[in-house]
């Protein structure tokens, strides 16, 4: 590197190459300097990359200012792009709207379109770490694409050079050494999938289809078409893809957009940062029921399903929303049908059974209009220090409801002090306890809240005479 640059800091080290942040001593501007030793196995590939992009003039592509060569190494001086990689951007944001996904996608399309149409280059390595996003103080977003070391000429002039496949983002044909315009379209589709799933889905799997279904009214169909296995079934050009994304961006600009984060144990269940909140304009007739377990495996989730089934038999419109760990809902949601993020379980047309609606723990990443539901049962999981704050958050905009705690025999032996601290307006159900043992217990209970025995109900969607009587009492309390 020439003496006209001053090294500020090391940005990255990879094998025999080092990337520095440098400052031009005369112009006082910052640049990135990549120094690659000629003994490096990737030397020819990196040199080819610099040679390929040095004449590109596009706002979203770093400018190559100079290539300095000596006996031992090569130094590539290029524009320094400040900002965050898409990986960092999504990690910090947690979840973004469909409008933002479309906007970022449009900007990526603009850059890739320039490569395809003006430079005759296919990128072939579009992935989150190669996308840099910069939100400027004026509110404008800038998107850049970096790392062209896997790029090739559309006309095949560099055909046969070693390709470095990024598993998941590379189109199927790339694994056979073939890359085309539609390979970049595939990678953009996976990139959109990555954003839509808050970074948890990074390849075409069964989870991808679940994401597409959740975004069926916006970006889902676009993702689905981009990532077709057969390249002929994808968009024929970046322009066609961009047109679809522009349509979504315009449609979603002034709407509340569904957004979500997917768990690492993804099975159609989603997590986020806030609880699902009903539309504030439609909560004045809704009763909220908050159910907590005194300990894990005390039966709180089973109680929620049983009580929801009871309300359904009473012709009430009810929905269960899970807050906290979603694993308890796997068995039931796997057997249900999914529509716009809401699972309907237990429906049986042959036996005439009406199903109940449940929402796994999307946790604020999807905002629903819950109008039409008279009862919202919040399955809050095991009680913790966030109990009161989460209860208030769940009921935001709606009238307050009641709190029900579910415990069992192990609980009352180990955590009696916590039970005695329960407020008198709450209700306790004791699970896994015999009749005589239950009456002995409540005779010694010093608290003031109502206590019921949770009878043995093997199937949550089946009526149980004792539970029906208790549930009727709860309904009277709620509807006073």
Protein backbone atom coordinates (compact mmCIF):
# COMPACT_ATOMS: atom_id res chain seq x y z
CA UNK A 1 0.00 0.00 0.00
CA UNK A 2 1.36 3.43 -0.95
CA UNK A 3 2.43 6.04 1.58
CA UNK A 4 -0.50 8.32 0.74
CA UNK A 5 -2.80 6.20 2.94
CA UNK A 6 -2.76 6.03 6.72
CA UNK A 7 -3.99 2.82 8.38
CA UNK A 8 -6.72 3.55 10.93
CA UNK A 9 -7.71 0.04 12.01
CA UNK A 10 -8.01 -3.56 10.88
CA UNK A 11 -11.51 -4.42 9.72
CA UNK A 12 -11.08 -8.13 8.99
CA UNK A 13 -8.53 -10.88 8.53
CA UNK A 14 -9.23 -13.85 6.29
CA UNK A 15 -6.51 -16.35 5.44
CA UNK A 16 -3.72 -14.50 3.64
CA UNK A 17 -5.74 -11.30 3.15
CA UNK A 18 -6.35 -8.37 5.50
CA UNK A 19 -8.87 -5.56 5.14
CA UNK A 20 -7.95 -2.20 6.66
CA UNK A 21 -9.79 1.05 7.17
CA UNK A 22 -7.43 3.69 5.78
CA UNK A 23 -7.51 7.46 5.38
CA UNK A 24 -6.13 9.40 2.45
CA UNK A 25 -3.58 11.81 3.90
CA UNK A 26 -4.25 14.58 1.40
CA UNK A 27 -7.95 14.22 0.70
CA UNK A 28 -8.83 13.22 4.29
CA UNK A 29 -11.35 10.62 3.10
CA UNK A 30 -11.78 7.05 4.30
CA UNK A 31 -11.24 4.01 2.14
CA UNK A 32 -11.05 0.25 2.55
CA UNK A 33 -7.77 -1.41 1.62
CA UNK A 34 -7.69 -5.16 1.01
CA UNK A 35 -4.14 -6.52 0.98
CA UNK A 36 -3.80 -10.04 -0.40
CA UNK A 37 -0.58 -12.02 -0.38
CA UNK A 38 0.27 -13.56 -3.73
CA UNK A 39 0.91 -16.85 -1.97
CA UNK A 40 -2.78 -16.94 -1.05
CA UNK A 41 -4.82 -19.67 -2.75
CA UNK A 42 -7.56 -17.11 -3.45
CA UNK A 43 -5.21 -14.56 -4.98
CA UNK A 44 -6.35 -15.10 -8.57
CA UNK A 45 -10.01 -15.07 -7.58
CA UNK A 46 -9.70 -11.81 -5.61
CA UNK A 47 -7.73 -10.16 -8.39
CA UNK A 48 -10.37 -11.25 -10.90
CA UNK A 49 -13.07 -9.78 -8.66
CA UNK A 50 -11.33 -6.40 -8.49
CA UNK A 51 -10.75 -6.41 -12.23
CA UNK A 52 -14.41 -7.23 -12.85
CA UNK A 53 -15.91 -4.46 -10.72
CA UNK A 54 -13.32 -1.68 -11.14
CA UNK A 55 -15.31 -0.09 -13.97
CA UNK A 56 -18.76 -0.49 -12.40
CA UNK A 57 -20.56 2.76 -11.61
CA UNK A 58 -23.60 2.06 -9.48
CA UNK A 59 -24.59 3.75 -6.17
CA UNK A 60 -25.02 0.39 -4.46
CA UNK A 61 -21.61 -1.05 -5.46
CA UNK A 62 -18.33 -0.01 -3.77
CA UNK A 63 -16.07 1.98 -6.08
CA UNK A 64 -12.61 0.50 -6.76
CA UNK A 65 -10.22 3.47 -6.73
CA UNK A 66 -6.94 1.74 -7.31
CA UNK A 67 -5.20 -1.64 -7.58
CA UNK A 68 -1.58 -1.57 -6.45
CA UNK A 69 0.68 -4.50 -7.23
CA UNK A 70 4.14 -5.44 -5.94
CA UNK A 71 6.27 -8.57 -5.75
CA UNK A 72 4.62 -10.02 -2.65
CA UNK A 73 1.06 -8.78 -2.56
CA UNK A 74 -1.74 -6.86 -4.20
CA UNK A 75 -3.57 -3.97 -2.56
CA UNK A 76 -7.11 -3.10 -3.64
CA UNK A 77 -8.26 0.37 -2.55
CA UNK A 78 -12.03 0.69 -2.64
CA UNK A 79 -14.86 2.75 -1.20
CA UNK A 80 -15.44 2.17 2.50
CA UNK A 81 -19.10 1.32 3.13
CA UNK A 82 -20.24 2.11 6.65
CA UNK A 83 -23.42 0.54 7.93
CA UNK A 84 -24.69 -2.83 9.10
CA UNK A 85 -24.82 -6.11 7.31
CA UNK A 86 -28.33 -7.43 6.78
CA UNK A 87 -27.47 -10.11 9.36
CA UNK A 88 -26.79 -7.43 11.98
CA UNK A 89 -29.72 -5.30 10.82
CA UNK A 90 -32.27 -8.11 11.26
CA UNK A 91 -30.67 -9.32 14.49
CA UNK A 92 -31.06 -5.88 16.06
CA UNK A 93 -34.50 -5.13 14.62
CA UNK A 94 -35.94 -8.55 15.52
CA UNK A 95 -38.63 -8.22 12.88
CA UNK A 96 -39.44 -5.78 10.08
CA UNK A 97 -42.59 -5.01 8.13
CA UNK A 98 -43.47 -6.41 4.74
CA UNK A 99 -43.13 -2.87 3.40
CA UNK A 100 -39.52 -2.69 4.63
CA UNK A 101 -38.76 -6.14 3.22
CA UNK A 102 -40.10 -5.05 -0.16
CA UNK A 103 -38.18 -1.76 0.01
CA UNK A 104 -34.87 -3.49 0.73
CA UNK A 105 -35.67 -6.05 -1.97
CA UNK A 106 -36.33 -3.28 -4.51
CA UNK A 107 -32.98 -1.64 -3.78
CA UNK A 108 -31.20 -4.97 -4.15
CA UNK A 109 -33.01 -5.51 -7.45
CA UNK A 110 -31.82 -2.11 -8.69
CA UNK A 111 -28.20 -3.09 -8.06
CA UNK A 112 -28.52 -6.58 -9.51
CA UNK A 113 -30.41 -5.20 -12.51
CA UNK A 114 -27.46 -2.90 -13.21
CA UNK A 115 -25.09 -5.87 -13.00
CA UNK A 116 -27.21 -7.98 -15.34
CA UNK A 117 -28.19 -5.39 -17.93
CA UNK A 118 -25.33 -2.87 -17.92
CA UNK A 119 -22.31 -4.92 -16.90
CA UNK A 120 -23.30 -8.40 -18.08
CA UNK A 121 -22.45 -9.87 -14.65
CA UNK A 122 -24.29 -12.32 -12.40
CA UNK A 123 -23.45 -12.00 -8.70
CA UNK A 124 -24.12 -15.62 -7.63
CA UNK A 125 -23.51 -15.00 -3.92
CA UNK A 126 -26.39 -12.84 -2.66
CA UNK A 127 -26.66 -13.45 1.08
CA UNK A 128 -27.23 -11.36 4.26
CA UNK A 129 -23.54 -10.87 5.06
CA UNK A 130 -23.02 -9.41 1.56
CA UNK A 131 -25.79 -6.82 1.97
CA UNK A 132 -24.93 -3.58 3.79
CA UNK A 133 -27.72 -1.29 5.00
CA UNK A 134 -27.25 2.29 6.08
CA UNK A 135 -30.08 4.36 7.54
CA UNK A 136 -29.11 8.01 7.09
CA UNK A 137 -30.06 10.87 9.40
CA UNK A 138 -32.48 12.21 6.77
CA UNK A 139 -34.51 9.00 7.05
CA UNK A 140 -33.37 7.60 3.72
CA UNK A 141 -32.15 4.03 3.54
CA UNK A 142 -29.16 3.02 1.43
CA UNK A 143 -28.42 -0.56 0.41
CA UNK A 144 -25.10 -1.87 -0.89
CA UNK A 145 -23.91 -5.21 -2.24
CA UNK A 146 -20.34 -6.28 -1.60
CA UNK A 147 -18.08 -9.29 -2.29
CA UNK A 148 -18.10 -10.08 -5.99
CA UNK A 149 -15.54 -12.87 -5.74
CA UNK A 150 -18.05 -15.47 -6.93
CA UNK A 151 -19.45 -13.33 -9.75
CA UNK A 152 -19.26 -14.35 -13.37
CA UNK A 153 -19.96 -12.93 -16.78
CA UNK A 154 -23.36 -13.76 -18.20
CA UNK A 155 -21.75 -14.61 -21.54
CA UNK A 156 -19.58 -17.24 -19.82
CA UNK A 157 -16.21 -15.59 -20.44
CA UNK A 158 -15.09 -16.71 -17.00
CA UNK A 159 -16.90 -20.03 -17.12
CA UNK A 160 -15.14 -22.78 -15.28
CA UNK A 161 -13.71 -20.66 -12.46
CA UNK A 162 -14.09 -22.12 -8.99
CA UNK A 163 -17.48 -21.30 -7.44
CA UNK A 164 -17.85 -20.89 -3.70
CA UNK A 165 -21.37 -21.98 -2.89
CA UNK A 166 -23.22 -20.51 0.09
CA UNK A 167 -25.47 -23.36 1.19
CA UNK A 168 -29.13 -22.37 1.30
CA UNK A 169 -28.79 -19.16 -0.71
CA UNK A 170 -27.30 -20.73 -3.83
CA UNK A 171 -29.81 -21.86 -6.45
CA UNK A 172 -29.98 -25.64 -7.08
CA UNK A 173 -28.28 -25.33 -10.46
CA UNK A 174 -25.25 -23.66 -8.88
CA UNK A 175 -24.36 -26.91 -7.17
CA UNK A 176 -23.74 -28.28 -10.65
CA UNK A 177 -21.47 -25.36 -11.54
CA UNK A 178 -24.14 -23.47 -13.49
CA UNK A 179 -25.20 -19.90 -12.69
CA UNK A 180 -27.53 -17.52 -14.46
CA UNK A 181 -29.72 -14.45 -14.04
CA UNK A 182 -32.40 -16.64 -12.49
CA UNK A 183 -29.87 -17.96 -9.97
CA UNK A 184 -29.62 -14.43 -8.56
CA UNK A 185 -33.42 -14.27 -8.48
CA UNK A 186 -33.47 -17.47 -6.41
CA UNK A 187 -30.96 -15.99 -3.94
CA UNK A 188 -33.03 -12.79 -3.60
CA UNK A 189 -36.03 -14.99 -2.80
CA UNK A 190 -34.13 -16.71 0.01
CA UNK A 191 -32.96 -13.28 1.19
CA UNK A 192 -36.61 -12.13 1.39
CA UNK A 193 -37.40 -15.35 3.26
CA UNK A 194 -34.57 -14.57 5.67
CA UNK A 195 -36.03 -11.14 6.38
CA UNK A 196 -39.59 -12.43 6.68
CA UNK A 197 -38.52 -15.02 9.26
CA UNK A 198 -36.31 -12.62 11.22
CA UNK A 199 -33.23 -14.55 10.21
CA UNK A 200 -34.27 -18.05 11.25
CA UNK A 201 -35.10 -19.56 7.85
CA UNK A 202 -32.22 -19.45 5.39
CA UNK A 203 -33.02 -22.17 2.89
CA UNK A 204 -35.92 -23.78 1.08
CA UNK A 205 -37.42 -26.15 3.62
CA UNK A 206 -40.88 -26.92 4.95
CA UNK A 207 -40.55 -23.88 7.22
CA UNK A 208 -40.27 -21.69 4.14
CA UNK A 209 -43.75 -22.67 3.03
CA UNK A 210 -45.15 -21.76 6.45
CA UNK A 211 -43.63 -18.29 6.14
CA UNK A 212 -45.11 -17.87 2.67
CA UNK A 213 -48.55 -18.82 3.99
CA UNK A 214 -48.33 -16.26 6.79
CA UNK A 215 -47.49 -13.58 4.25
CA UNK A 216 -49.97 -14.88 1.69
CA UNK A 217 -51.44 -11.41 1.15
CA UNK A 218 -48.12 -9.67 0.60
CA UNK A 219 -44.62 -10.98 0.07
CA UNK A 220 -45.30 -14.71 0.43
CA UNK A 221 -46.24 -15.39 -3.22
CA UNK A 222 -43.15 -13.46 -4.39
CA UNK A 223 -40.85 -15.58 -2.23
CA UNK A 224 -42.55 -18.74 -3.42
CA UNK A 225 -42.04 -17.87 -7.09
CA UNK A 226 -38.42 -16.78 -6.61
CA UNK A 227 -37.35 -20.04 -5.00
CA UNK A 228 -38.84 -22.52 -7.45
CA UNK A 229 -36.50 -25.46 -7.91
CA UNK A 230 -36.97 -25.29 -11.67
CA UNK A 231 -35.38 -22.03 -12.81
CA UNK A 232 -37.87 -21.67 -15.68
CA UNK A 233 -40.68 -21.29 -13.13
CA UNK A 234 -39.02 -18.31 -11.43
CA UNK A 235 -39.33 -14.69 -12.52
CA UNK A 236 -37.79 -14.34 -15.95
CA UNK A 237 -35.93 -11.15 -15.04
CA UNK A 238 -35.01 -8.89 -12.16
CA UNK A 239 -37.32 -6.26 -13.68
CA UNK A 240 -40.31 -8.60 -13.30
CA UNK A 241 -39.39 -9.31 -9.69
CA UNK A 242 -38.88 -5.61 -8.95
CA UNK A 243 -42.33 -4.80 -10.37
CA UNK A 244 -43.95 -7.26 -7.93
CA UNK A 245 -42.02 -5.82 -4.97
CA UNK A 246 -42.99 -2.25 -5.94
CA UNK A 247 -46.64 -3.29 -5.95
CA UNK A 248 -46.27 -4.70 -2.43
CA UNK A 249 -44.39 -1.63 -1.19
CA UNK A 250 -47.09 0.71 -2.50
CA UNK A 251 -49.90 -1.39 -1.06
CA UNK A 252 -48.32 -1.82 2.37
CA UNK A 253 -47.00 1.69 2.85
CA UNK A 254 -49.89 3.01 4.91
CA UNK A 255 -51.12 -0.22 6.47
CA UNK A 256 -50.26 -2.07 9.65
CA UNK A 257 -48.14 -4.91 8.38
CA UNK A 258 -47.94 -8.37 9.90
CA UNK A 259 -44.43 -9.24 10.95
CA UNK A 260 -42.92 -12.10 12.91
CA UNK A 261 -39.89 -13.82 14.23
CA UNK A 262 -39.47 -17.60 13.94
CA UNK A 263 -38.08 -19.79 16.68
CA UNK A 264 -34.91 -21.78 16.13
CA UNK A 265 -37.01 -24.85 16.86
CA UNK A 266 -39.38 -23.71 14.11
CA UNK A 267 -42.46 -25.84 13.60
CA UNK A 268 -44.82 -23.13 12.46
CA UNK A 269 -44.51 -21.33 15.78
CA UNK A 270 -43.25 -17.80 16.04
CA UNK A 271 -41.77 -15.57 18.71
CA UNK A 272 -41.14 -11.86 19.01
CA UNK A 273 -40.76 -9.10 21.55
CA UNK A 274 -44.25 -8.10 22.65
CA UNK A 275 -47.48 -9.89 23.36
CA UNK A 276 -50.16 -10.17 20.73
CA UNK A 277 -52.54 -7.25 21.23
CA UNK A 278 -56.12 -7.10 20.05
CA UNK A 279 -57.21 -4.20 17.89
CA UNK A 280 -57.91 -1.39 20.37
CA UNK A 281 -61.06 -0.42 18.52
CA UNK A 282 -62.58 -3.85 19.06
CA UNK A 283 -61.75 -4.80 22.64
CA UNK A 284 -64.57 -3.13 24.57
CA UNK A 285 -66.65 -6.34 24.43
CA UNK A 286 -63.79 -8.73 25.02
CA UNK A 287 -63.11 -10.53 28.28
CA UNK A 288 -59.48 -11.43 28.91
CA UNK A 289 -58.65 -14.53 30.95
CA UNK A 290 -55.01 -14.88 32.06
CA UNK A 291 -53.90 -18.39 32.98
CA UNK A 292 -50.59 -19.08 34.76
CA UNK A 293 -49.06 -22.29 35.98
CA UNK A 294 -47.53 -22.21 39.46
CA UNK A 295 -44.83 -24.47 38.08
CA UNK A 296 -43.92 -26.21 34.85
CA UNK A 297 -46.15 -29.16 33.87
CA UNK A 298 -48.90 -28.11 36.25
CA UNK A 299 -51.49 -28.32 33.45
CA UNK A 300 -52.08 -24.64 32.65
CA UNK A 301 -52.12 -25.17 28.88
CA UNK A 302 -54.47 -28.14 29.18
CA UNK A 303 -56.76 -26.02 31.34
CA UNK A 304 -56.80 -23.27 28.69
CA UNK A 305 -57.84 -25.73 26.00
CA UNK A 306 -60.48 -27.31 28.23
CA UNK A 307 -61.97 -23.95 29.16
CA UNK A 308 -61.91 -22.75 25.55
CA UNK A 309 -63.71 -25.92 24.50
CA UNK A 310 -66.31 -25.34 27.23
CA UNK A 311 -66.90 -21.76 26.02
CA UNK A 312 -67.23 -23.00 22.46
CA UNK A 313 -69.94 -25.43 23.57
CA UNK A 314 -71.66 -22.44 25.16
CA UNK A 315 -71.67 -20.78 21.72
CA UNK A 316 -69.10 -18.17 22.73
CA UNK A 317 -66.46 -16.96 20.32
CA UNK A 318 -63.14 -17.73 21.97
CA UNK A 319 -59.46 -17.76 21.06
CA UNK A 320 -56.40 -18.95 23.00
CA UNK A 321 -53.17 -16.96 22.74
CA UNK A 322 -49.96 -18.50 23.98
CA UNK A 323 -47.42 -16.21 25.63
CA UNK A 324 -44.03 -17.75 26.44
CA UNK A 325 -42.60 -21.10 25.32
CA UNK A 326 -44.55 -22.51 22.37
CA UNK A 327 -43.56 -26.15 22.74
CA UNK A 328 -46.72 -27.02 24.68
CA UNK A 329 -48.80 -26.29 21.59
CA UNK A 330 -46.91 -28.48 19.15
CA UNK A 331 -49.10 -31.55 19.48
CA UNK A 332 -52.35 -29.63 18.94
CA UNK A 333 -51.20 -27.22 16.23
CA UNK A 334 -49.68 -30.03 14.19
CA UNK A 335 -53.19 -31.47 13.88
CA UNK A 336 -54.86 -28.13 13.15
CA UNK A 337 -55.37 -25.99 10.08
CA UNK A 338 -53.53 -22.69 9.66
CA UNK A 339 -55.12 -19.57 8.21
CA UNK A 340 -53.51 -16.11 8.49
CA UNK A 341 -51.48 -17.18 11.49
CA UNK A 342 -54.43 -18.62 13.48
CA UNK A 343 -54.69 -22.35 13.98
CA UNK A 344 -58.09 -24.02 14.24
CA UNK A 345 -57.90 -27.29 16.15
CA UNK A 346 -60.40 -29.94 17.16
CA UNK A 347 -62.83 -29.37 14.30
CA UNK A 348 -64.47 -32.54 13.01
CA UNK A 349 -67.07 -32.17 10.26
CA UNK A 350 -68.11 -35.82 10.54
CA UNK A 351 -68.76 -35.69 14.28
CA UNK A 352 -70.01 -32.12 14.14
CA UNK A 353 -67.32 -30.80 16.50
CA UNK A 354 -66.55 -27.09 16.27
CA UNK A 355 -62.88 -26.28 16.53
CA UNK A 356 -61.28 -23.64 18.71
CA UNK A 357 -58.83 -21.02 17.50
CA UNK A 358 -55.36 -20.69 18.98
CA UNK A 359 -52.36 -18.47 18.29
CA UNK A 360 -48.86 -19.70 19.16
CA UNK A 361 -46.38 -17.28 20.65
CA UNK A 362 -45.89 -14.80 17.82
CA UNK A 363 -45.39 -12.34 20.67
CA UNK A 364 -46.22 -9.07 18.94
CA UNK A 365 -44.60 -9.85 15.66
CA UNK A 366 -48.06 -10.28 14.22
CA UNK A 367 -50.77 -7.82 15.22
CA UNK A 368 -54.29 -9.16 14.82
CA UNK A 369 -57.69 -7.64 14.58
CA UNK A 370 -59.43 -9.88 17.12
CA UNK A 371 -62.86 -8.37 16.69
CA UNK A 372 -65.59 -10.96 16.94
CA UNK A 373 -64.00 -12.84 19.84
CA UNK A 374 -65.88 -12.51 23.13
CA UNK A 375 -63.23 -14.32 25.16
CA UNK A 376 -59.46 -14.19 24.79
CA UNK A 377 -57.68 -16.78 26.91
CA UNK A 378 -54.03 -15.84 27.49
CA UNK A 379 -51.90 -18.90 28.22
CA UNK A 380 -49.09 -17.10 30.03
CA UNK A 381 -47.00 -20.13 30.94
CA UNK A 382 -45.23 -20.54 34.25
CA UNK A 383 -45.69 -17.62 36.66
CA UNK A 384 -42.68 -15.32 36.99
CA UNK A 385 -41.71 -11.82 37.96
CA UNK A 386 -43.16 -10.45 34.71
CA UNK A 387 -46.64 -11.68 35.57
CA UNK A 388 -48.27 -8.32 36.28
CA UNK A 389 -46.54 -6.36 33.51
CA UNK A 390 -47.37 -8.98 30.90
CA UNK A 391 -50.98 -9.11 32.05
CA UNK A 392 -51.37 -5.37 31.57
CA UNK A 393 -49.64 -5.55 28.21
CA UNK A 394 -51.92 -8.32 26.99
CA UNK A 395 -55.04 -6.38 27.92
CA UNK A 396 -53.96 -3.07 26.45
CA UNK A 397 -57.00 -1.28 25.09
CA UNK A 398 -59.50 -3.79 26.51
CA UNK A 399 -61.41 -4.07 29.77
CA UNK A 400 -59.66 -6.06 32.46
CA UNK A 401 -60.45 -9.71 32.98
CA UNK A 402 -59.63 -12.38 35.55
CA UNK A 403 -56.50 -14.30 36.45
CA UNK A 404 -56.49 -18.06 36.95
CA UNK A 405 -53.59 -20.01 38.46
CA UNK A 406 -53.15 -23.75 37.96
CA UNK A 407 -51.10 -25.72 40.48
CA UNK A 408 -50.70 -29.29 41.59
CA UNK A 409 -49.82 -31.26 44.71
CA UNK A 410 -46.09 -30.73 44.23
CA UNK A 411 -46.67 -27.00 44.06
CA UNK A 412 -48.52 -26.65 47.34
CA UNK A 413 -45.76 -28.53 49.19
CA UNK A 414 -42.95 -26.45 47.72
CA UNK A 415 -44.38 -23.00 47.06
CA UNK A 416 -47.13 -22.36 49.58
CA UNK A 417 -45.93 -18.83 50.29
CA UNK A 418 -46.35 -17.84 46.64
CA UNK A 419 -49.88 -19.26 46.60
CA UNK A 420 -50.81 -17.33 49.70
CA UNK A 421 -49.65 -14.12 48.02
CA UNK A 422 -52.21 -14.53 45.21
CA UNK A 423 -54.75 -11.71 45.29
CA UNK A 424 -58.30 -12.44 46.39
CA UNK A 425 -59.79 -11.62 42.99
CA UNK A 426 -57.85 -14.46 41.35
CA UNK A 427 -58.94 -18.09 40.97
CA UNK A 428 -56.86 -21.20 41.69
CA UNK A 429 -57.31 -24.64 40.15
CA UNK A 430 -55.45 -27.53 41.77
CA UNK A 431 -54.54 -30.31 39.36
CA UNK A 432 -53.46 -33.94 39.93
CA UNK A 433 -55.25 -34.25 43.27
CA UNK A 434 -57.86 -36.65 44.62
CA UNK A 435 -61.18 -35.49 46.04
CA UNK A 436 -60.50 -36.21 49.74
CA UNK A 437 -56.97 -34.84 49.51
CA UNK A 438 -58.34 -31.67 47.90
CA UNK A 439 -60.84 -31.01 50.69
CA UNK A 440 -58.16 -31.59 53.31
CA UNK A 441 -56.02 -29.06 51.49
CA UNK A 442 -58.58 -26.26 51.17
CA UNK A 443 -59.53 -26.63 54.84
CA UNK A 444 -55.97 -25.67 55.72
CA UNK A 445 -55.69 -22.92 53.09
CA UNK A 446 -55.44 -19.46 54.65
CA UNK A 447 -55.87 -17.38 51.50
CA UNK A 448 -59.06 -15.65 50.39
CA UNK A 449 -59.30 -16.49 46.69
CA UNK A 450 -61.56 -19.13 45.17
CA UNK A 451 -60.05 -22.62 44.80
CA UNK A 452 -61.34 -25.38 42.56
CA UNK A 453 -60.24 -28.90 41.89
CA UNK A 454 -59.24 -29.43 38.24
CA UNK A 455 -60.80 -32.84 37.52
CA UNK A 456 -59.15 -35.42 35.34
CA UNK A 457 -60.08 -34.46 31.77
CA UNK A 458 -58.18 -36.69 29.35
CA UNK A 459 -59.44 -35.06 26.15
CA UNK A 460 -59.63 -31.27 26.26
CA UNK A 461 -62.46 -31.18 23.70
CA UNK A 462 -64.66 -33.59 25.69
CA UNK A 463 -67.25 -32.50 28.23
CA UNK A 464 -66.66 -33.38 31.89
CA UNK A 465 -69.59 -32.95 34.28
CA UNK A 466 -67.54 -31.69 37.25
CA UNK A 467 -65.49 -29.30 35.13
CA UNK A 468 -68.64 -28.01 33.40
CA UNK A 469 -70.11 -27.04 36.80
CA UNK A 470 -66.94 -25.25 37.81
CA UNK A 471 -66.62 -23.53 34.45
CA UNK A 472 -70.23 -22.33 34.71
CA UNK A 473 -69.33 -20.62 37.99
CA UNK A 474 -66.32 -18.98 36.36
CA UNK A 475 -68.54 -17.69 33.55
CA UNK A 476 -70.92 -16.16 36.09
CA UNK A 477 -68.01 -14.38 37.75
CA UNK A 478 -66.71 -13.12 34.42
CA UNK A 479 -70.03 -11.93 33.04
CA UNK A 480 -71.26 -10.11 36.13
